């Protein structure tokens, strides 16, 4: 399966988002995905299997639990496929950064406070 086919499914993308924070038990992943998507535990297991078999996730046993983590190989494959297209967003993002910096500089010159960003 192509890397983007794997990532095309919203359930698998969400699982990877959860794993991006660090290793996670299959049970916890299943509970979150079942709650958010309303799918069964066997369906979650199928998505985890697709991620494993296509190099996006690793699994290791820990007692009776199965611990999942992101496999950098799958992410690298997706990145390799996308990298020729970076030119389409790199320039606009650099321009946005320039405009944001210009706005900050103008606010400082005018003595205006920086807008607060809530985290």
N, C-alpha and C. Protein backbone atom coordinates (compact mmCIF):
# COMPACT_ATOMS: atom_id res chain seq x y z
N UNK A 1 0.86 -1.17 0.00
CA UNK A 1 0.00 0.00 0.00
C UNK A 1 0.90 1.23 0.00
N UNK A 2 0.54 2.23 -0.76
CA UNK A 2 1.31 3.47 -0.82
C UNK A 2 1.14 4.25 0.49
N UNK A 3 2.18 4.96 0.87
CA UNK A 3 2.16 5.71 2.13
C UNK A 3 0.96 6.64 2.23
N UNK A 4 0.61 7.29 1.12
CA UNK A 4 -0.51 8.23 1.18
C UNK A 4 -1.85 7.49 1.24
N UNK A 5 -1.91 6.27 0.74
CA UNK A 5 -3.13 5.47 0.91
C UNK A 5 -3.33 5.16 2.39
N UNK A 6 -2.25 4.86 3.08
CA UNK A 6 -2.32 4.58 4.51
C UNK A 6 -2.80 5.83 5.25
N UNK A 7 -2.24 6.98 4.89
CA UNK A 7 -2.57 8.23 5.57
C UNK A 7 -3.90 8.82 5.12
N UNK A 8 -4.47 8.28 4.06
CA UNK A 8 -5.74 8.80 3.54
C UNK A 8 -6.92 8.53 4.44
N UNK A 9 -6.79 7.60 5.34
CA UNK A 9 -7.89 7.24 6.22
C UNK A 9 -7.83 8.09 7.50
N UNK A 10 -8.92 8.77 7.85
CA UNK A 10 -8.89 9.64 9.04
C UNK A 10 -8.65 8.89 10.35
N UNK A 11 -9.09 7.64 10.44
CA UNK A 11 -8.85 6.87 11.66
C UNK A 11 -7.36 6.62 11.82
N UNK A 12 -6.69 6.21 10.74
CA UNK A 12 -5.25 5.95 10.84
C UNK A 12 -4.47 7.24 11.10
N UNK A 13 -4.90 8.34 10.50
CA UNK A 13 -4.23 9.62 10.80
C UNK A 13 -4.38 9.97 12.27
N UNK A 14 -5.56 9.75 12.83
CA UNK A 14 -5.78 10.06 14.25
C UNK A 14 -4.94 9.17 15.14
N UNK A 15 -4.83 7.90 14.79
CA UNK A 15 -3.98 7.00 15.58
C UNK A 15 -2.55 7.52 15.57
N UNK A 16 -2.06 7.92 14.40
CA UNK A 16 -0.69 8.44 14.32
C UNK A 16 -0.55 9.73 15.13
N UNK A 17 -1.57 10.57 15.13
CA UNK A 17 -1.53 11.79 15.95
C UNK A 17 -1.38 11.42 17.43
N UNK A 18 -2.12 10.42 17.86
CA UNK A 18 -2.02 9.98 19.26
C UNK A 18 -0.64 9.42 19.55
N UNK A 19 -0.09 8.66 18.60
CA UNK A 19 1.23 8.06 18.80
C UNK A 19 2.35 9.09 18.71
N UNK A 20 2.12 10.20 18.06
CA UNK A 20 3.15 11.23 17.95
C UNK A 20 3.55 11.77 19.32
N UNK A 21 2.65 11.69 20.28
CA UNK A 21 2.94 12.14 21.64
C UNK A 21 3.81 11.13 22.39
N UNK A 22 3.91 9.92 21.87
CA UNK A 22 4.71 8.89 22.52
C UNK A 22 4.02 7.54 22.48
N UNK A 23 4.73 6.55 22.94
CA UNK A 23 4.23 5.18 22.93
C UNK A 23 2.91 5.10 23.68
N UNK A 24 2.01 4.25 23.16
CA UNK A 24 0.69 4.15 23.76
C UNK A 24 0.21 2.71 23.72
N UNK A 25 -0.52 2.29 24.74
CA UNK A 25 -1.07 0.95 24.81
C UNK A 25 -2.22 0.80 23.81
N UNK A 26 -2.32 -0.38 23.22
CA UNK A 26 -3.38 -0.64 22.24
C UNK A 26 -4.76 -0.40 22.85
N UNK A 27 -4.94 -0.77 24.10
CA UNK A 27 -6.24 -0.57 24.76
C UNK A 27 -6.64 0.89 24.84
N UNK A 28 -5.69 1.73 25.18
CA UNK A 28 -5.98 3.17 25.26
C UNK A 28 -6.27 3.73 23.88
N UNK A 29 -5.47 3.34 22.90
CA UNK A 29 -5.72 3.78 21.52
C UNK A 29 -7.12 3.36 21.09
N UNK A 30 -7.45 2.09 21.37
CA UNK A 30 -8.76 1.58 21.00
C UNK A 30 -9.89 2.36 21.64
N UNK A 31 -9.74 2.67 22.92
CA UNK A 31 -10.79 3.41 23.63
C UNK A 31 -11.00 4.80 23.02
N UNK A 32 -9.91 5.49 22.74
CA UNK A 32 -10.01 6.84 22.16
C UNK A 32 -10.65 6.79 20.78
N UNK A 33 -10.17 5.88 19.94
CA UNK A 33 -10.68 5.78 18.58
C UNK A 33 -12.13 5.33 18.56
N UNK A 34 -12.48 4.37 19.40
CA UNK A 34 -13.88 3.94 19.48
C UNK A 34 -14.79 5.08 19.88
N UNK A 35 -14.34 5.88 20.83
CA UNK A 35 -15.13 7.03 21.30
C UNK A 35 -15.27 8.09 20.20
N UNK A 36 -14.16 8.42 19.54
CA UNK A 36 -14.18 9.50 18.55
C UNK A 36 -14.84 9.11 17.23
N UNK A 37 -14.68 7.85 16.81
CA UNK A 37 -15.17 7.44 15.50
C UNK A 37 -16.35 6.49 15.54
N UNK A 38 -16.66 5.97 16.74
CA UNK A 38 -17.79 5.06 16.86
C UNK A 38 -17.59 3.75 16.13
N UNK A 39 -16.35 3.26 16.10
CA UNK A 39 -16.09 1.99 15.45
C UNK A 39 -15.76 0.93 16.50
N UNK A 40 -15.80 -0.32 16.10
CA UNK A 40 -15.58 -1.43 17.03
C UNK A 40 -14.09 -1.63 17.31
N UNK A 41 -13.82 -2.39 18.38
CA UNK A 41 -12.44 -2.72 18.72
C UNK A 41 -11.77 -3.51 17.61
N UNK A 42 -12.44 -4.49 16.98
CA UNK A 42 -11.80 -5.19 15.87
C UNK A 42 -11.45 -4.27 14.70
N UNK A 43 -12.28 -3.26 14.46
CA UNK A 43 -11.98 -2.30 13.39
C UNK A 43 -10.73 -1.49 13.73
N UNK A 44 -10.60 -1.10 15.00
CA UNK A 44 -9.40 -0.38 15.44
C UNK A 44 -8.18 -1.27 15.25
N UNK A 45 -8.32 -2.53 15.62
CA UNK A 45 -7.20 -3.48 15.46
C UNK A 45 -6.78 -3.59 14.00
N UNK A 46 -7.75 -3.57 13.09
CA UNK A 46 -7.42 -3.63 11.65
C UNK A 46 -6.61 -2.40 11.23
N UNK A 47 -6.99 -1.23 11.72
CA UNK A 47 -6.25 -0.01 11.39
C UNK A 47 -4.83 -0.07 11.96
N UNK A 48 -4.70 -0.57 13.16
CA UNK A 48 -3.36 -0.73 13.75
C UNK A 48 -2.52 -1.70 12.93
N UNK A 49 -3.14 -2.77 12.45
CA UNK A 49 -2.43 -3.73 11.62
C UNK A 49 -1.95 -3.10 10.31
N UNK A 50 -2.80 -2.30 9.69
CA UNK A 50 -2.41 -1.61 8.45
C UNK A 50 -1.22 -0.68 8.72
N UNK A 51 -1.26 0.03 9.83
CA UNK A 51 -0.15 0.92 10.17
C UNK A 51 1.14 0.13 10.41
N UNK A 52 1.04 -0.99 11.10
CA UNK A 52 2.22 -1.85 11.34
C UNK A 52 2.76 -2.40 10.04
N UNK A 53 1.91 -3.01 9.25
CA UNK A 53 2.35 -3.69 8.04
C UNK A 53 2.90 -2.74 6.98
N UNK A 54 2.57 -1.47 7.08
CA UNK A 54 3.04 -0.50 6.10
C UNK A 54 4.12 0.42 6.66
N UNK A 55 4.68 0.04 7.81
CA UNK A 55 5.83 0.75 8.35
C UNK A 55 5.56 2.06 9.04
N UNK A 56 4.32 2.30 9.47
CA UNK A 56 4.01 3.54 10.17
C UNK A 56 3.97 3.38 11.68
N UNK A 57 3.87 2.16 12.15
CA UNK A 57 3.80 1.91 13.60
C UNK A 57 4.58 0.65 13.94
N UNK A 58 5.10 0.67 15.15
CA UNK A 58 5.75 -0.52 15.70
C UNK A 58 4.94 -0.97 16.90
N UNK A 59 5.10 -2.24 17.25
CA UNK A 59 4.41 -2.77 18.42
C UNK A 59 5.40 -3.63 19.20
N UNK A 60 5.28 -3.55 20.51
CA UNK A 60 6.10 -4.41 21.36
C UNK A 60 5.23 -4.88 22.52
N UNK A 61 5.43 -6.15 22.89
CA UNK A 61 4.66 -6.66 24.02
C UNK A 61 5.21 -6.13 25.34
N UNK A 62 4.32 -5.88 26.25
CA UNK A 62 4.69 -5.49 27.62
C UNK A 62 3.72 -6.20 28.54
N UNK A 63 4.11 -7.39 28.96
CA UNK A 63 3.18 -8.22 29.74
C UNK A 63 2.02 -8.62 28.85
N UNK A 64 0.81 -8.29 29.28
CA UNK A 64 -0.37 -8.62 28.48
C UNK A 64 -0.76 -7.48 27.54
N UNK A 65 -0.06 -6.38 27.63
CA UNK A 65 -0.38 -5.22 26.79
C UNK A 65 0.48 -5.21 25.54
N UNK A 66 -0.01 -4.48 24.53
CA UNK A 66 0.75 -4.23 23.31
C UNK A 66 0.95 -2.72 23.22
N UNK A 67 2.22 -2.33 23.17
CA UNK A 67 2.57 -0.92 23.14
C UNK A 67 2.91 -0.50 21.71
N UNK A 68 2.24 0.53 21.24
CA UNK A 68 2.44 1.02 19.88
C UNK A 68 3.22 2.32 19.91
N UNK A 69 4.00 2.53 18.84
CA UNK A 69 4.77 3.76 18.68
C UNK A 69 4.86 4.06 17.19
N UNK A 70 5.15 5.31 16.87
CA UNK A 70 5.36 5.71 15.47
C UNK A 70 6.64 5.07 14.98
N UNK A 71 6.59 4.52 13.78
CA UNK A 71 7.78 4.00 13.10
C UNK A 71 8.24 5.09 12.13
N UNK A 72 9.42 5.65 12.34
CA UNK A 72 9.89 6.74 11.48
C UNK A 72 9.99 6.35 10.00
N UNK A 73 10.10 5.06 9.70
CA UNK A 73 10.25 4.62 8.30
C UNK A 73 9.03 5.02 7.46
N UNK A 74 7.85 4.82 8.00
CA UNK A 74 6.63 5.17 7.25
C UNK A 74 6.51 6.67 7.05
N UNK A 75 6.82 7.41 8.09
CA UNK A 75 6.77 8.88 8.00
C UNK A 75 7.80 9.35 6.97
N UNK A 76 8.96 8.74 6.97
CA UNK A 76 10.00 9.11 6.00
C UNK A 76 9.55 8.80 4.58
N UNK A 77 8.84 7.68 4.39
CA UNK A 77 8.34 7.34 3.05
C UNK A 77 7.32 8.37 2.57
N UNK A 78 6.42 8.78 3.45
CA UNK A 78 5.45 9.81 3.07
C UNK A 78 6.16 11.13 2.78
N UNK A 79 7.13 11.47 3.60
CA UNK A 79 7.88 12.70 3.40
C UNK A 79 8.64 12.67 2.07
N UNK A 80 9.23 11.53 1.74
CA UNK A 80 9.97 11.40 0.49
C UNK A 80 9.06 11.62 -0.71
N UNK A 81 7.85 11.12 -0.61
CA UNK A 81 6.92 11.30 -1.72
C UNK A 81 6.47 12.75 -1.82
N UNK A 82 6.28 13.40 -0.68
CA UNK A 82 5.80 14.78 -0.67
C UNK A 82 6.89 15.82 -0.95
N UNK A 83 8.14 15.48 -0.70
CA UNK A 83 9.21 16.48 -0.78
C UNK A 83 9.31 17.19 -2.13
N UNK A 84 9.06 16.55 -3.29
CA UNK A 84 9.11 17.31 -4.54
C UNK A 84 8.06 18.42 -4.63
N UNK A 85 7.04 18.33 -3.79
CA UNK A 85 5.96 19.31 -3.83
C UNK A 85 6.14 20.45 -2.83
N UNK A 86 7.20 20.38 -2.01
CA UNK A 86 7.43 21.41 -0.99
C UNK A 86 7.51 22.81 -1.58
N UNK A 87 8.00 22.91 -2.78
CA UNK A 87 8.16 24.23 -3.40
C UNK A 87 6.83 24.97 -3.50
N UNK A 88 5.72 24.23 -3.51
CA UNK A 88 4.41 24.86 -3.63
C UNK A 88 3.96 25.53 -2.33
N UNK A 89 4.49 25.09 -1.19
CA UNK A 89 4.09 25.73 0.05
C UNK A 89 5.24 26.41 0.77
N UNK A 90 6.46 26.08 0.45
CA UNK A 90 7.60 26.68 1.15
C UNK A 90 7.65 28.19 0.92
N UNK A 91 7.51 28.63 -0.33
CA UNK A 91 7.54 30.06 -0.63
C UNK A 91 6.43 30.83 0.06
N UNK A 92 5.17 30.38 -0.06
CA UNK A 92 4.09 31.09 0.64
C UNK A 92 4.27 31.12 2.15
N UNK A 93 4.79 30.05 2.74
CA UNK A 93 5.02 30.06 4.18
C UNK A 93 6.13 31.03 4.57
N UNK A 94 7.18 31.10 3.75
CA UNK A 94 8.26 32.06 4.01
C UNK A 94 7.73 33.48 3.90
N UNK A 95 6.86 33.73 2.92
CA UNK A 95 6.28 35.06 2.75
C UNK A 95 5.40 35.41 3.96
N UNK A 96 4.65 34.45 4.45
CA UNK A 96 3.83 34.67 5.64
C UNK A 96 4.70 35.02 6.84
N UNK A 97 5.80 34.30 7.02
CA UNK A 97 6.72 34.57 8.11
C UNK A 97 7.27 36.00 8.01
N UNK A 98 7.61 36.41 6.81
CA UNK A 98 8.11 37.77 6.59
C UNK A 98 7.06 38.81 6.97
N UNK A 99 5.82 38.58 6.56
CA UNK A 99 4.75 39.53 6.88
C UNK A 99 4.47 39.58 8.38
N UNK A 100 4.52 38.44 9.03
CA UNK A 100 4.31 38.43 10.48
C UNK A 100 5.43 39.19 11.20
N UNK A 101 6.65 38.98 10.76
CA UNK A 101 7.78 39.70 11.36
C UNK A 101 7.65 41.19 11.11
N UNK A 102 7.22 41.59 9.91
CA UNK A 102 7.02 43.00 9.59
C UNK A 102 5.97 43.62 10.50
N UNK A 103 4.88 42.88 10.73
CA UNK A 103 3.83 43.38 11.62
C UNK A 103 4.33 43.56 13.04
N UNK A 104 5.13 42.60 13.53
CA UNK A 104 5.68 42.73 14.89
C UNK A 104 6.59 43.95 14.99
N UNK A 105 7.41 44.16 13.97
CA UNK A 105 8.32 45.31 13.96
C UNK A 105 7.54 46.61 13.95
N UNK A 106 6.50 46.69 13.14
CA UNK A 106 5.68 47.91 13.10
C UNK A 106 4.99 48.19 14.42
N UNK A 107 4.50 47.14 15.08
CA UNK A 107 3.86 47.33 16.38
C UNK A 107 4.85 47.84 17.42
N UNK A 108 6.08 47.31 17.38
CA UNK A 108 7.10 47.79 18.32
C UNK A 108 7.45 49.24 18.04
N UNK A 109 7.58 49.59 16.78
CA UNK A 109 7.90 50.99 16.42
C UNK A 109 6.81 51.93 16.87
N UNK A 110 5.56 51.51 16.76
CA UNK A 110 4.43 52.36 17.14
C UNK A 110 4.14 52.31 18.63
N UNK A 111 4.87 51.47 19.35
CA UNK A 111 4.66 51.35 20.79
C UNK A 111 3.44 50.54 21.15
N UNK A 112 2.90 49.80 20.20
CA UNK A 112 1.74 48.97 20.48
C UNK A 112 2.19 47.64 21.05
N UNK A 113 1.38 47.11 21.94
CA UNK A 113 1.69 45.82 22.54
C UNK A 113 1.46 44.70 21.53
N UNK A 114 2.23 43.65 21.67
CA UNK A 114 2.04 42.46 20.84
C UNK A 114 0.73 41.80 21.24
N UNK A 115 -0.02 41.30 20.27
CA UNK A 115 -1.22 40.54 20.64
C UNK A 115 -0.84 39.28 21.40
N UNK A 116 -1.61 38.94 22.38
CA UNK A 116 -1.32 37.75 23.19
C UNK A 116 -1.82 36.52 22.47
N UNK A 117 -1.02 35.49 22.50
CA UNK A 117 -1.39 34.22 21.92
C UNK A 117 -1.67 33.27 23.05
N UNK A 118 -2.90 32.76 23.08
CA UNK A 118 -3.28 31.81 24.12
C UNK A 118 -2.78 30.43 23.74
N UNK A 119 -2.18 29.71 24.67
CA UNK A 119 -1.69 28.36 24.40
C UNK A 119 -2.54 27.35 25.10
